[in-house]
Protein backbone atom coordinates (compact mmCIF):
# COMPACT_ATOMS: atom_id res chain seq x y z
CA MET A 1 0.00 0.00 0.00
CA ARG A 2 1.39 3.35 -0.97
CA ARG A 3 2.32 5.82 1.77
CA PRO A 4 -0.33 8.46 0.87
CA ARG A 5 -3.00 5.76 1.09
CA ARG A 6 -1.77 4.69 4.52
CA MET A 7 -1.81 8.29 5.68
CA GLN A 8 -5.38 8.74 4.48
CA LEU A 9 -6.50 5.62 6.33
CA ALA A 10 -4.66 6.77 9.45
CA TYR A 11 -6.40 10.14 9.23
CA VAL A 12 -9.83 8.53 8.95
CA ALA A 13 -9.00 6.20 11.84
CA LEU A 14 -7.93 9.19 13.96
CA LEU A 15 -11.20 11.03 13.38
CA LEU A 16 -13.31 7.93 13.96
CA GLY A 17 -11.41 7.12 17.15
CA THR A 18 -11.78 10.69 18.35
CA ALA A 19 -15.51 10.59 17.65
CA VAL A 20 -15.88 7.37 19.63
CA LEU A 21 -13.89 8.78 22.55
CA TYR A 22 -15.88 12.02 22.64
CA LEU A 23 -19.36 10.65 21.88
CA CYS A 24 -19.43 7.30 23.70
CA ASP A 25 -21.87 7.35 26.64
CA LEU A 26 -21.97 11.12 26.35
CA SER A 27 -25.23 11.58 28.24
CA ALA A 28 -23.84 9.88 31.38
CA SER A 29 -22.93 13.35 32.69
CA GLY A 30 -26.58 14.38 32.70
CA TRP A 31 -26.87 18.14 32.52
CA ALA A 32 -23.08 18.51 33.08
CA ASN A 33 -22.79 22.23 33.92
CA SER A 34 -26.42 22.93 34.79
CA PHE A 35 -25.71 26.69 34.65
CA TYR A 36 -25.37 26.46 30.87
CA SER A 37 -27.85 23.62 30.40
CA ALA A 38 -30.57 25.71 32.03
CA ALA A 39 -29.78 28.56 29.64
CA VAL A 40 -30.03 26.13 26.72
CA GLN A 41 -33.37 24.98 28.10
CA ALA A 42 -34.50 28.61 28.24
CA GLY A 43 -33.34 29.13 24.66
CA SER A 44 -35.36 26.13 23.55
CA GLN A 45 -38.48 27.85 24.90
CA SER A 46 -37.79 31.43 23.83
CA TRP A 47 -35.87 32.84 20.85
CA LYS A 48 -35.25 36.01 22.84
CA ALA A 49 -33.69 33.99 25.65
CA LEU A 50 -31.52 32.19 23.09
CA LEU A 51 -30.37 35.44 21.50
CA PHE A 52 -29.25 36.97 24.79
CA GLY A 53 -28.17 33.80 26.58
CA SER A 54 -30.76 34.20 29.30
CA SER A 55 -30.75 31.78 32.22
CA ASP A 56 -34.55 31.47 32.12
CA ALA A 57 -37.17 31.67 29.39
CA ALA A 58 -38.67 34.81 30.91
CA SER A 59 -35.28 36.52 30.45
CA SER A 60 -34.54 37.93 33.89
CA ILE A 61 -30.72 37.74 33.60
CA THR A 62 -28.12 36.35 31.21
CA VAL A 63 -25.27 33.96 31.85
CA ASP A 64 -21.98 35.72 32.55
CA LYS A 65 -20.58 35.09 29.05
CA THR A 66 -21.49 36.09 25.54
CA PRO A 67 -23.76 33.35 24.20
CA ALA A 68 -22.23 31.94 20.98
CA ALA A 69 -21.78 28.46 22.49
CA LEU A 70 -25.37 28.58 23.74
CA TRP A 71 -26.56 29.39 20.22
CA VAL A 72 -24.99 26.19 18.89
CA MET A 73 -26.43 24.08 21.70
CA GLY A 74 -29.78 25.86 21.44
CA LEU A 75 -30.11 25.04 17.74
CA SER A 76 -29.22 21.42 18.48
CA VAL A 77 -31.94 21.28 21.13
CA ARG A 78 -34.51 22.87 18.85
CA ILE A 79 -33.77 20.19 16.23
CA PHE A 80 -33.48 17.12 18.47
CA GLY A 81 -35.44 18.13 21.56
CA PHE A 82 -34.16 19.10 24.99
CA ASN A 83 -32.14 16.31 26.56
CA SER A 84 -28.63 15.72 27.82
CA TRP A 85 -27.40 14.27 24.53
CA SER A 86 -28.63 17.15 22.37
CA VAL A 87 -26.99 19.63 24.77
CA LEU A 88 -23.62 17.88 24.85
CA VAL A 89 -23.20 16.50 21.32
CA PRO A 90 -22.29 19.87 19.74
CA GLN A 91 -19.20 20.06 21.95
CA ALA A 92 -18.14 16.53 20.98
CA LEU A 93 -18.50 17.33 17.30
CA GLU A 94 -16.61 20.58 17.81
CA GLY A 95 -13.83 18.49 19.31
CA VAL A 96 -13.66 16.17 16.32
CA ALA A 97 -13.66 19.21 14.03
CA ALA A 98 -10.86 20.82 16.06
CA VAL A 99 -8.73 17.68 15.68
CA ALA A 100 -9.38 17.62 11.92
CA MET A 101 -8.57 21.32 11.62
CA LEU A 102 -5.33 20.93 13.61
CA VAL A 103 -4.24 18.05 11.37
CA ALA A 104 -4.90 20.20 8.30
CA THR A 105 -3.02 23.18 9.74
CA VAL A 106 0.09 21.27 10.78
CA ARG A 107 0.08 19.16 7.60
CA ARG A 108 0.37 22.27 5.41
CA VAL A 109 3.72 23.21 6.95
CA ALA A 110 5.23 19.94 8.16
CA GLY A 111 3.60 17.12 6.23
CA PRO A 112 0.96 14.47 6.97
CA GLY A 113 2.99 12.65 9.62
CA ALA A 114 3.35 15.74 11.77
CA GLY A 115 -0.33 16.51 11.25
CA LEU A 116 -1.40 13.06 12.42
CA ILE A 117 0.84 13.26 15.49
CA ALA A 118 -0.54 16.69 16.38
CA GLY A 119 -4.14 15.58 15.92
CA THR A 120 -3.57 12.48 18.05
CA LEU A 121 -1.99 14.51 20.83
CA LEU A 122 -4.89 16.96 20.90
CA ALA A 123 -7.46 14.16 20.87
CA LEU A 124 -5.74 12.44 23.81
CA THR A 125 -5.10 15.48 25.99
CA PRO A 126 -7.12 14.82 29.19
CA VAL A 127 -8.52 18.34 29.52
CA ALA A 128 -9.55 18.27 25.85
CA VAL A 129 -11.47 15.02 26.38
CA LEU A 130 -13.12 16.66 29.38
CA MET A 131 -14.20 19.86 27.66
CA PHE A 132 -15.27 18.25 24.39
CA ARG A 133 -17.71 16.16 26.44
CA PHE A 134 -19.00 19.09 28.50
CA ASP A 135 -21.24 22.10 27.90
CA ASN A 136 -18.90 24.95 28.81
CA PRO A 137 -18.05 27.42 25.99
CA ASP A 138 -14.39 26.32 25.82
CA ALA A 139 -15.05 23.69 23.14
CA LEU A 140 -16.33 26.23 20.63
CA LEU A 141 -13.53 28.64 21.56
CA VAL A 142 -10.84 26.04 20.84
CA LEU A 143 -12.37 25.08 17.50
CA LEU A 144 -12.58 28.70 16.37
CA LEU A 145 -9.01 29.50 17.42
CA VAL A 146 -7.63 26.45 15.59
CA ALA A 147 -9.65 27.48 12.55
CA ALA A 148 -8.13 30.96 12.83
CA ALA A 149 -4.64 29.44 12.99
CA TYR A 150 -5.37 27.49 9.80
CA CYS A 151 -6.40 30.70 8.08
CA VAL A 152 -3.20 32.44 9.18
CA ILE A 153 -1.08 29.61 7.77
CA ARG A 154 -2.99 29.85 4.49
CA ALA A 155 -2.55 33.63 4.48
CA ILE A 156 1.26 33.45 4.63
CA GLU A 157 1.50 31.10 1.65
CA LYS A 158 2.71 32.42 -1.67
CA GLU A 159 -0.04 33.78 -3.91
CA SER A 160 -2.65 33.11 -1.24
CA SER A 161 -6.08 34.72 -1.34
CA VAL A 162 -6.37 38.07 0.40
CA TRP A 163 -9.41 36.70 2.24
CA TRP A 164 -7.54 34.23 4.43
CA LEU A 165 -6.34 36.79 6.97
CA PRO A 166 -9.76 38.47 7.37
CA LEU A 167 -11.23 34.98 7.82
CA ALA A 168 -8.75 34.42 10.65
CA GLY A 169 -9.90 37.69 12.20
CA ALA A 170 -13.55 36.68 11.82
CA ALA A 171 -12.89 33.36 13.57
CA VAL A 172 -11.18 35.11 16.49
CA GLY A 173 -14.01 37.65 16.66
CA PHE A 174 -16.59 34.91 16.85
CA GLY A 175 -14.38 33.25 19.48
CA PHE A 176 -14.87 36.43 21.48
CA LEU A 177 -18.60 35.74 21.39
CA ALA A 178 -17.87 32.29 22.84
CA LYS A 179 -15.60 33.30 25.73
CA MET A 180 -14.90 36.99 25.41
CA MET A 181 -11.37 38.33 25.80
CA GLN A 182 -9.67 34.97 26.23
CA ALA A 183 -10.01 34.64 22.46
CA PHE A 184 -7.74 37.66 21.97
CA LEU A 185 -4.68 36.05 23.60
CA VAL A 186 -3.63 34.62 20.23
CA LEU A 187 -4.02 37.87 18.28
CA PRO A 188 -0.50 39.28 18.86
CA VAL A 189 1.01 35.93 17.92
CA PHE A 190 -1.01 35.65 14.72
CA ALA A 191 -0.13 39.21 13.77
CA LEU A 192 3.58 38.69 14.41
CA VAL A 193 3.69 35.44 12.43
CA TYR A 194 2.01 37.12 9.47
CA LEU A 195 4.35 40.11 9.61
CA ILE A 196 7.38 37.84 9.69
CA ALA A 197 6.43 35.14 7.21
CA ALA A 198 3.92 36.47 4.67
CA HIS A 199 5.14 36.94 1.09
CA ALA A 200 3.58 40.37 0.59
CA PRO A 201 5.68 43.55 0.92
CA LEU A 202 5.93 44.91 4.46
CA ARG A 203 3.60 47.86 3.90
CA GLN A 204 1.01 45.58 2.36
CA ARG A 205 1.32 43.19 5.28
CA PHE A 206 0.42 46.03 7.67
CA VAL A 207 -2.56 46.94 5.52
CA HIS A 208 -3.73 43.34 5.57
CA LEU A 209 -3.42 43.23 9.36
CA VAL A 210 -5.55 46.35 9.69
CA GLY A 211 -8.19 44.73 7.51
CA SER A 212 -8.14 41.56 9.58
CA LEU A 213 -8.48 43.62 12.75
CA GLY A 214 -11.58 45.13 11.20
CA ALA A 215 -12.89 41.60 10.69
CA VAL A 216 -12.31 40.89 14.39
CA VAL A 217 -14.23 44.01 15.35
CA VAL A 218 -17.14 43.31 13.03
CA SER A 219 -17.51 39.59 13.79
CA GLY A 220 -17.34 40.13 17.55
CA GLY A 221 -18.60 43.69 17.83
CA TRP A 222 -21.96 43.36 16.10
CA TYR A 223 -23.37 41.53 19.10
CA ILE A 224 -21.89 44.00 21.57
CA ALA A 225 -23.52 46.81 19.60
CA LEU A 226 -26.84 44.98 19.44
CA VAL A 227 -26.96 44.48 23.21
CA ALA A 228 -25.74 48.00 23.95
CA LEU A 229 -28.35 49.58 21.69
CA TRP A 230 -31.23 47.31 22.71
CA PRO A 231 -33.47 49.04 25.30
CA ALA A 232 -32.48 47.69 28.70
CA SER A 233 -36.13 47.52 29.74
CA SER A 234 -36.90 44.89 27.09
CA ARG A 235 -33.87 42.62 27.43
CA PRO A 236 -32.47 40.57 30.33
CA TYR A 237 -29.97 42.03 32.78
CA ILE A 238 -26.36 41.39 31.70
CA GLY A 239 -25.16 38.81 34.20
CA GLY A 240 -21.67 39.33 35.62
CA SER A 241 -21.89 43.12 35.38
CA GLN A 242 -22.80 45.61 38.08
CA GLU A 243 -24.20 48.25 35.72
CA ASN A 244 -26.20 46.08 33.28
CA ASN A 245 -23.50 46.81 30.72
CA ILE A 246 -22.02 44.26 28.31
CA LEU A 247 -18.81 46.26 27.86
CA GLU A 248 -18.30 46.15 31.63
CA LEU A 249 -18.73 42.39 31.45
CA ALA A 250 -16.28 42.05 28.57
CA LEU A 251 -13.59 44.42 29.81
CA GLY A 252 -14.03 43.98 33.56
CA TYR A 253 -15.41 40.75 34.98
CA ASN A 254 -14.33 38.69 31.95
CA GLY A 255 -11.46 40.96 30.92
CA LEU A 256 -8.81 42.76 32.93
CA GLY A 257 -10.40 41.58 36.17
CA ARG A 258 -9.31 38.05 35.34
CA LEU A 259 -5.72 39.27 35.18
CA THR A 260 -5.67 41.55 38.22
CA GLY A 261 -8.18 39.80 40.49
CA ASN A 262 -10.14 43.05 40.86
CA GLU A 263 -13.42 41.65 39.61
CA THR A 264 -16.36 43.55 41.01
CA GLY A 265 -19.01 40.97 41.70
CA GLY A 266 -16.46 38.16 41.50
CA LEU A 267 -14.98 35.97 44.19
CA GLY A 268 -11.90 38.07 44.83
CA ASN A 269 -8.30 36.93 44.51
CA LEU A 270 -8.34 33.37 45.86
CA ASN A 271 -5.18 32.23 44.06
CA HIS A 272 -2.21 30.90 46.00
CA ASP A 273 -0.31 29.30 43.14
CA VAL A 274 0.50 32.26 40.90
CA GLY A 275 3.68 31.60 38.92
CA TRP A 276 5.21 29.39 36.28
CA GLY A 277 4.65 26.28 38.39
CA ARG A 278 0.86 26.61 38.21
CA LEU A 279 0.64 24.65 34.95
CA PHE A 280 2.42 21.74 36.65
CA GLY A 281 0.63 22.13 39.98
CA SER A 282 -1.90 19.96 41.74
CA GLU A 283 -4.89 21.46 39.89
CA MET A 284 -3.65 21.99 36.34
CA GLY A 285 -0.84 19.47 36.03
CA THR A 286 -2.83 16.36 35.18
CA GLN A 287 -5.04 18.36 32.85
CA ILE A 288 -2.40 19.70 30.45
CA ALA A 289 1.22 19.35 31.64
CA TRP A 290 2.05 15.89 30.26
CA LEU A 291 3.82 17.18 27.13
CA LEU A 292 4.74 20.72 28.16
CA PRO A 293 8.51 20.04 28.54
CA ALA A 294 8.49 18.22 25.21
CA ALA A 295 6.79 21.23 23.65
CA VAL A 296 9.48 23.58 24.97
CA ILE A 297 12.22 21.33 23.59
CA ALA A 298 10.38 21.11 20.27
CA ILE A 299 10.20 24.90 20.00
CA GLY A 300 13.92 25.30 20.66
CA ALA A 301 14.90 22.47 18.34
CA GLY A 302 12.57 23.64 15.61
CA MET A 303 13.97 27.16 15.68
CA TRP A 304 17.51 25.74 15.56
CA ILE A 305 16.76 23.54 12.55
CA THR A 306 14.91 26.25 10.61
CA GLY A 307 17.13 29.13 11.69
CA SER A 308 18.87 29.54 8.34
CA LYS A 309 15.73 29.24 6.23
CA PRO A 310 14.19 32.20 4.37
CA ARG A 311 11.91 34.65 6.14
CA THR A 312 8.87 33.18 4.46
CA ASP A 313 9.60 29.57 5.38
CA PRO A 314 6.21 28.03 6.32
CA LEU A 315 7.74 25.43 8.62
CA ARG A 316 9.31 28.05 10.86
CA ALA A 317 6.08 30.05 10.70
CA GLY A 318 4.22 27.04 12.04
CA ILE A 319 6.67 26.69 14.93
CA LEU A 320 6.37 30.39 15.70
CA LEU A 321 2.57 30.23 15.57
CA TRP A 322 2.09 27.28 17.90
CA GLY A 323 5.06 28.18 20.08
CA GLY A 324 3.88 31.77 20.43
CA TRP A 325 0.33 30.63 21.20
CA LEU A 326 1.71 28.34 23.92
CA ALA A 327 4.01 31.00 25.38
CA VAL A 328 1.49 33.86 25.55
CA THR A 329 -1.46 31.82 26.78
CA GLY A 330 0.72 29.82 29.18
CA VAL A 331 2.17 32.95 30.77
CA VAL A 332 -1.27 34.52 31.16
CA PHE A 333 -2.72 31.39 32.76
CA SER A 334 0.29 31.08 35.05
CA TYR A 335 0.23 34.64 36.38
CA MET A 336 -3.42 35.74 36.24
CA ASN A 337 -4.73 36.72 39.67
CA GLY A 338 -8.46 36.59 38.98
CA ILE A 339 -10.79 33.66 38.51
CA VAL A 340 -8.94 30.80 36.82
CA HIS A 341 -10.02 27.18 36.62
CA PRO A 342 -7.99 24.11 35.60
CA TYR A 343 -10.15 23.41 32.56
CA TYR A 344 -9.12 26.75 31.03
CA THR A 345 -5.93 24.96 30.01
CA VAL A 346 -7.77 23.30 27.12
CA ALA A 347 -6.81 26.48 25.23
CA LEU A 348 -3.18 25.32 25.45
CA ALA A 349 -3.85 21.86 24.05
CA PRO A 350 -3.75 22.74 20.30
CA ALA A 351 -0.51 24.68 20.75
CA VAL A 352 1.19 21.87 22.66
CA ALA A 353 0.01 19.29 20.15
CA GLY A 354 0.93 21.42 17.15
CA VAL A 355 4.47 22.26 18.17
CA VAL A 356 5.26 18.72 19.40
CA GLY A 357 3.93 17.27 16.16
CA ILE A 358 6.13 19.57 14.08
CA GLY A 359 9.19 19.36 16.32
CA SER A 360 9.22 15.58 16.67
CA VAL A 361 9.06 15.02 12.91
CA LEU A 362 11.74 17.63 12.27
CA LEU A 363 14.07 16.01 14.79
CA TRP A 364 13.41 12.58 13.34
CA GLN A 365 14.32 13.83 9.88
CA CYS A 366 17.61 15.15 11.34
CA ARG A 367 18.35 12.05 13.43
CA ASN A 368 21.77 11.54 11.88
CA ASP A 369 22.83 14.65 13.82
CA ILE A 370 23.68 13.77 17.43
CA ARG A 371 22.10 17.03 18.60
CA ALA A 372 18.77 16.02 17.10
CA ARG A 373 18.97 12.60 18.75
CA ILE A 374 19.75 14.21 22.10
CA ALA A 375 16.71 16.44 21.69
CA LEU A 376 14.54 13.41 20.90
CA VAL A 377 15.90 11.69 23.99
CA GLY A 378 15.15 14.82 26.00
CA MET A 379 11.56 14.93 24.78
CA THR A 380 11.03 11.26 25.54
CA ALA A 381 12.80 11.24 28.92
CA THR A 382 11.19 14.39 30.31
CA THR A 383 7.75 13.27 29.17
CA THR A 384 8.27 9.87 30.76
CA VAL A 385 9.47 11.30 34.07
CA LEU A 386 6.70 13.89 34.20
CA GLY A 387 4.13 11.24 33.32
CA CYS A 388 5.25 9.14 36.29
CA VAL A 389 5.09 12.19 38.57
CA LEU A 390 1.60 13.14 37.44
CA LEU A 391 0.32 9.57 37.73
CA GLY A 392 1.79 9.50 41.23
CA ARG A 393 -0.75 12.12 42.31
CA ASN A 394 -3.36 9.39 42.05
CA ALA A 395 -1.09 6.55 43.12
CA ASP A 396 -3.84 4.06 43.97
CA TRP A 397 -5.22 4.19 40.44
CA GLN A 398 -3.63 1.70 38.01
CA PRO A 399 -0.42 1.36 40.12
CA TRP A 400 1.24 -0.84 37.46
CA LEU A 401 1.24 1.99 34.94
CA ARG A 402 4.02 4.14 36.43
CA PRO A 403 6.75 1.48 36.59
CA THR A 404 5.78 0.25 33.13
CA ILE A 405 6.08 3.73 31.66
CA ALA A 406 9.39 4.26 33.44
CA VAL A 407 10.93 1.05 32.08
CA VAL A 408 9.64 1.55 28.55
CA GLY A 409 10.65 5.22 28.56
CA VAL A 410 14.22 4.48 29.65
CA PHE A 411 14.48 1.71 27.07
CA ALA A 412 13.24 3.99 24.28
CA SER A 413 15.51 6.86 25.36
CA VAL A 414 18.61 4.66 25.20
CA LEU A 415 17.70 3.31 21.77
CA LEU A 416 16.99 6.81 20.43
CA LEU A 417 20.61 7.71 21.06
CA VAL A 418 21.73 5.08 18.56
CA VAL A 419 18.68 5.08 16.28
CA ASP A 420 20.79 6.28 13.34
CA ARG A 421 22.56 2.91 13.36
CA LEU A 422 19.38 0.84 13.21
CA SER A 423 17.58 -0.49 10.17
CA GLY A 424 14.48 1.28 8.94
CA ARG A 425 12.08 -1.22 10.48
CA ALA A 426 13.94 -1.26 13.79
CA ALA A 427 14.08 2.53 13.87
CA ARG A 428 10.32 2.74 13.34
CA GLY A 429 9.90 0.25 16.15
CA VAL A 430 11.89 2.51 18.47
CA VAL A 431 9.62 5.42 17.53
CA ALA A 432 6.55 3.34 18.35
CA VAL A 433 7.98 2.40 21.76
CA ALA A 434 8.87 6.02 22.53
CA LEU A 435 5.39 7.20 21.57
CA ALA A 436 3.84 4.50 23.73
CA ALA A 437 5.88 5.61 26.74
CA CYS A 438 5.02 9.27 26.19
CA LEU A 439 1.31 8.79 25.50
CA ALA A 440 0.47 6.05 27.99
CA GLY A 441 -0.16 8.46 30.87
CA PRO A 442 -2.34 11.05 29.09
CA THR A 443 -4.15 8.32 27.17
CA ALA A 444 -5.04 6.46 30.35
CA TYR A 445 -6.23 9.70 31.94
CA SER A 446 -8.24 10.56 28.83
CA VAL A 447 -10.00 7.18 28.77
CA ALA A 448 -10.72 7.51 32.48
CA THR A 449 -12.08 11.00 31.87
CA ALA A 450 -14.40 9.78 29.12
CA SER A 451 -15.70 6.97 31.33
CA THR A 452 -16.42 9.25 34.32
CA PRO A 453 -19.58 11.38 34.54
CA HIS A 454 -18.81 15.05 35.16
CA SER A 455 -20.99 17.76 36.61
CA GLY A 456 -20.76 21.15 38.24
CA ALA A 457 -19.02 24.37 37.33
CA ILE A 458 -15.42 23.20 37.84
CA PRO A 459 -15.00 19.75 36.27
CA SER A 460 -11.64 18.05 36.30
CA ALA A 461 -10.12 15.43 34.02
CA GLY A 462 -8.89 12.08 35.26
CA PRO A 463 -10.16 9.01 37.10
CA GLY A 464 -12.96 9.71 39.56
CA SER A 465 -12.76 13.47 38.97
CA GLY A 466 -16.36 14.25 38.28
CA GLY A 467 -16.11 17.78 39.64
CA PRO A 468 -18.32 19.31 42.29
CA GLY A 469 -21.72 17.82 41.81
CA ALA A 470 -25.05 18.07 43.46
CA GLY A 471 -26.17 18.16 47.05
CA ALA A 472 -24.17 20.17 49.52
CA MET A 473 -22.36 22.00 46.74
CA GLY A 474 -25.60 23.25 45.29
CA GLY A 475 -25.29 26.73 46.77
CA LEU A 476 -21.70 27.04 45.62
CA LEU A 477 -20.69 25.68 42.23
CA GLY A 478 -22.76 22.53 41.80
CA THR A 479 -26.45 21.90 41.42
CA VAL A 480 -29.06 21.27 44.07
CA VAL A 481 -30.79 17.91 44.23
CA VAL A 482 -34.47 18.58 43.60
CA GLY A 483 -37.02 16.17 45.02
CA ALA A 484 -40.07 15.08 43.07
CA GLU A 485 -42.52 16.86 45.37
CA LEU A 486 -40.65 20.17 45.11
CA ALA A 487 -40.42 19.91 41.31
CA THR A 488 -44.15 19.25 41.12
CA THR A 489 -44.90 22.16 43.45
CA LEU A 490 -42.86 24.59 41.36
CA SER A 491 -44.47 23.53 38.10
CA SER A 492 -48.03 23.68 39.42
CA ASN A 493 -49.93 26.70 38.11
CA ALA A 494 -46.68 27.93 36.52
CA ASP A 495 -48.54 29.34 33.53
CA ASP A 496 -50.19 31.89 35.82
CA PHE A 497 -46.83 33.50 36.62
CA THR A 498 -43.88 34.90 34.68
CA TRP A 499 -41.47 33.01 36.92
CA ALA A 500 -42.54 29.88 38.75
CA ALA A 501 -39.96 30.63 41.42
CA ALA A 502 -36.95 32.73 42.38
CA THR A 503 -33.84 31.78 44.31
CA VAL A 504 -30.42 33.25 44.99
CA GLY A 505 -27.67 32.22 42.58
CA SER A 506 -27.74 30.83 39.06
CA ASN A 507 -26.69 27.32 39.99
CA ASN A 508 -29.52 27.01 42.48
CA ALA A 509 -31.98 28.40 39.94
CA ALA A 510 -30.67 26.06 37.25
CA GLY A 511 -31.31 22.99 39.36
CA TYR A 512 -34.90 23.96 40.11
CA GLN A 513 -35.54 25.01 36.52
CA LEU A 514 -34.16 21.84 34.97
CA ALA A 515 -36.18 19.70 37.36
CA SER A 516 -39.46 21.55 36.93
CA GLY A 517 -39.16 22.69 33.31
CA VAL A 518 -40.46 26.18 34.10
CA PRO A 519 -38.68 29.56 34.40
CA VAL A 520 -36.86 30.19 37.70
CA MET A 521 -35.35 33.62 38.37
CA ALA A 522 -31.67 33.58 39.38
CA VAL A 523 -31.54 36.41 41.92
CA GLY A 524 -28.08 38.02 41.86
CA GLY A 525 -26.81 35.99 38.91
CA PHE A 526 -24.03 33.42 39.07
CA ASN A 527 -22.37 34.57 42.31
CA GLY A 528 -25.45 36.19 43.83
CA THR A 529 -23.60 39.53 43.59
CA ASP A 530 -25.32 41.18 40.62
CA PRO A 531 -27.93 43.87 41.45
CA ALA A 532 -30.59 42.04 39.46
CA PRO A 533 -33.23 42.45 40.49
CA THR A 534 -33.04 45.16 43.13
CA LEU A 535 -35.17 44.74 46.23
CA GLU A 536 -37.56 47.37 44.90
CA GLN A 537 -37.91 45.57 41.57
CA PHE A 538 -38.40 42.24 43.27
CA ARG A 539 -41.13 43.60 45.51
CA GLN A 540 -42.89 44.99 42.43
CA TYR A 541 -42.67 41.63 40.68
CA VAL A 542 -44.26 40.03 43.74
CA ALA A 543 -46.97 42.71 43.92
CA ASP A 544 -47.76 42.11 40.25
CA GLN A 545 -48.06 38.35 40.90
CA GLN A 546 -45.19 37.55 38.54
CA ILE A 547 -43.24 35.27 40.92
CA HIS A 548 -44.99 32.35 42.61
CA TYR A 549 -42.39 30.92 45.01
CA PHE A 550 -39.10 31.89 46.60
CA VAL A 551 -36.82 28.95 47.33
CA GLY A 552 -34.46 29.47 50.25
CA GLY A 553 -31.56 27.39 51.47
CA ALA A 554 -27.89 27.54 50.47
CA MET A 555 -26.74 30.87 49.10
CA ALA A 556 -24.33 31.41 46.28
CA PHE A 557 -20.80 32.73 46.80
CA GLY A 558 -20.38 36.13 48.32
CA ARG A 559 -23.31 36.21 50.66
CA GLY A 560 -21.18 36.60 53.74
CA GLY A 561 -20.93 40.32 53.12
CA GLU A 562 -17.16 40.35 52.50
CA SER A 563 -17.08 40.03 48.73
CA SER A 564 -17.40 42.81 46.20
CA GLY A 565 -20.58 43.40 44.29
CA SER A 566 -24.20 44.07 45.13
CA LYS A 567 -25.91 42.86 48.31
CA GLU A 568 -29.39 43.07 46.78
CA ALA A 569 -29.78 39.28 46.84
CA ALA A 570 -29.22 39.22 50.58
CA TYR A 571 -31.74 42.02 51.07
CA ILE A 572 -34.31 40.16 48.98
CA ALA A 573 -33.83 36.93 50.92
CA ALA A 574 -34.20 38.80 54.22
CA TRP A 575 -37.34 40.62 53.01
CA VAL A 576 -38.95 37.35 51.92
CA ALA A 577 -38.17 35.66 55.25
CA ALA A 578 -39.64 38.61 57.18
CA ASN A 579 -42.88 38.79 55.20
CA TYR A 580 -43.73 35.26 54.12
CA THR A 581 -44.08 31.91 55.86
CA ALA A 582 -41.83 29.07 54.78
CA ARG A 583 -42.89 25.49 54.47
CA THR A 584 -40.42 22.68 54.05
CA ILE A 585 -40.65 20.60 50.89
CA ASP A 586 -38.07 17.87 50.32
CA GLY A 587 -35.92 19.49 52.99
CA VAL A 588 -35.96 22.94 51.36
CA ALA A 589 -37.61 26.12 52.65
CA VAL A 590 -40.18 27.32 50.13
CA TYR A 591 -42.10 30.62 50.44
CA ASP A 592 -45.39 31.10 48.61
CA LEU A 593 -45.18 34.73 47.51
CA SER A 594 -48.87 34.83 46.68
CA VAL A 595 -49.73 34.51 50.38
CA GLN A 596 -48.16 37.19 52.63
CA ILE A 597 -47.99 36.96 56.41
CA GLY A 598 -51.19 38.29 57.97
CA SER A 599 -53.14 38.27 54.72
């Protein structure tokens, strides 16, 4: 069988395997992150709620992100009906598409072998498996950024269409609508790579960059303009902001506040691991760190090998693109002082996979040079050692795996030193052994991730790492367990009210809404710190018979009075307790707002 045919079959096998890994038993996680699932449910009932990303069909408040990911899930639900599978399958398909797009991008500069390696590494990164089986917006963000990278690579090619760079800008702009300013971390890297490697004259390159920046502004800014110009009285409150302002959300809570920790309405600076070691630490390490040292070696080796090539060399451009993406995003994630979660590191996965795919093939092609062989040994040895360290953090799980990886990794490292003396078949065997040693750890973690249900707002990859789920965590970052009697109570006579119930915090509201199928107002938004509604507005809603019940119990973050942001949610809860009688249903205090004390 000819080599191109084998490569084609390998590519098909990669995509099919990725689809199986991401789609198999997908609905086991239920509603996954109920915060977003409830918003998808709302969007399935109201086009207005879908447009704005409202947390309930009556559009009281939005989620604290721009809603592009919700649009994709919402359309899926409107086609297939509202269930766990229809909510989660878009992310799995976005993952398969991201792998295919990464293969195509790397293949254009380094050949099909490098593309297949890169795609395999992305598919088997534990945090990628986690997020491509979950309903957070990160899956769509990653796909769009990889698509943008592909467009940049096409734009630097000789005699390329002038539309490739604006298309890259449009993809980044739409990525902004998925997860706001995180999408912009790659922009300086893309711009620099184009300035360095594009064939056009320098002045023309600057003109093209200005045009692509315009594409970013248009593709991301149209929605900002729509929300800003829409009368506030006829749209939901912008969750995550203190002034009902989407620019405040984009630039503050989801912008500079994430870097500085000064997020009004956020949780404050709770980080104790700021620094370069964060990516290898107890929270992020097993999610993304498996191949980070190999990626660093690959960047250095790739720049050494391509150092004498022309300015427009596409291979070096690919190394600069993925290496720059990794460096900028890695530094930001390491040193940001605001809200940062381990699953954010999925944004690093394409860069790690891309640069390792390119670097490993380059070094293999130069294996007759002792320096290249030493670099290959370094990549294999550091990955093996780090894999054993990371597996050691869950030492009781598959205890045979660490010593096996260690032995195989040492064996492969020794053989790589003399691989130039081996026959072709033996040399390929050494490569297979080295890959097995390097990928055994992340592959095992990825399979364990796919076979573990995940729920809550902060999921984590790996065996038994389902993330904070229901029950006691309901008032914090998980979802409340809703009994049958309470769900029935909330849904009874719901058509007579705008909101069947209200409760503090979006995660609490999501649980009640998903269980009852009727709109539940999230007082105070995600953290309970947004001034939506105010006490005065809430009292008017009650007077107008728009809210049937108020559900008490666990509060969301920030209700102790020490966090930044509005205290309106606390005032509302206190007013309800002082004026209405609670009855306990399924262990939860429920206030009937249609019957006031003394009436």
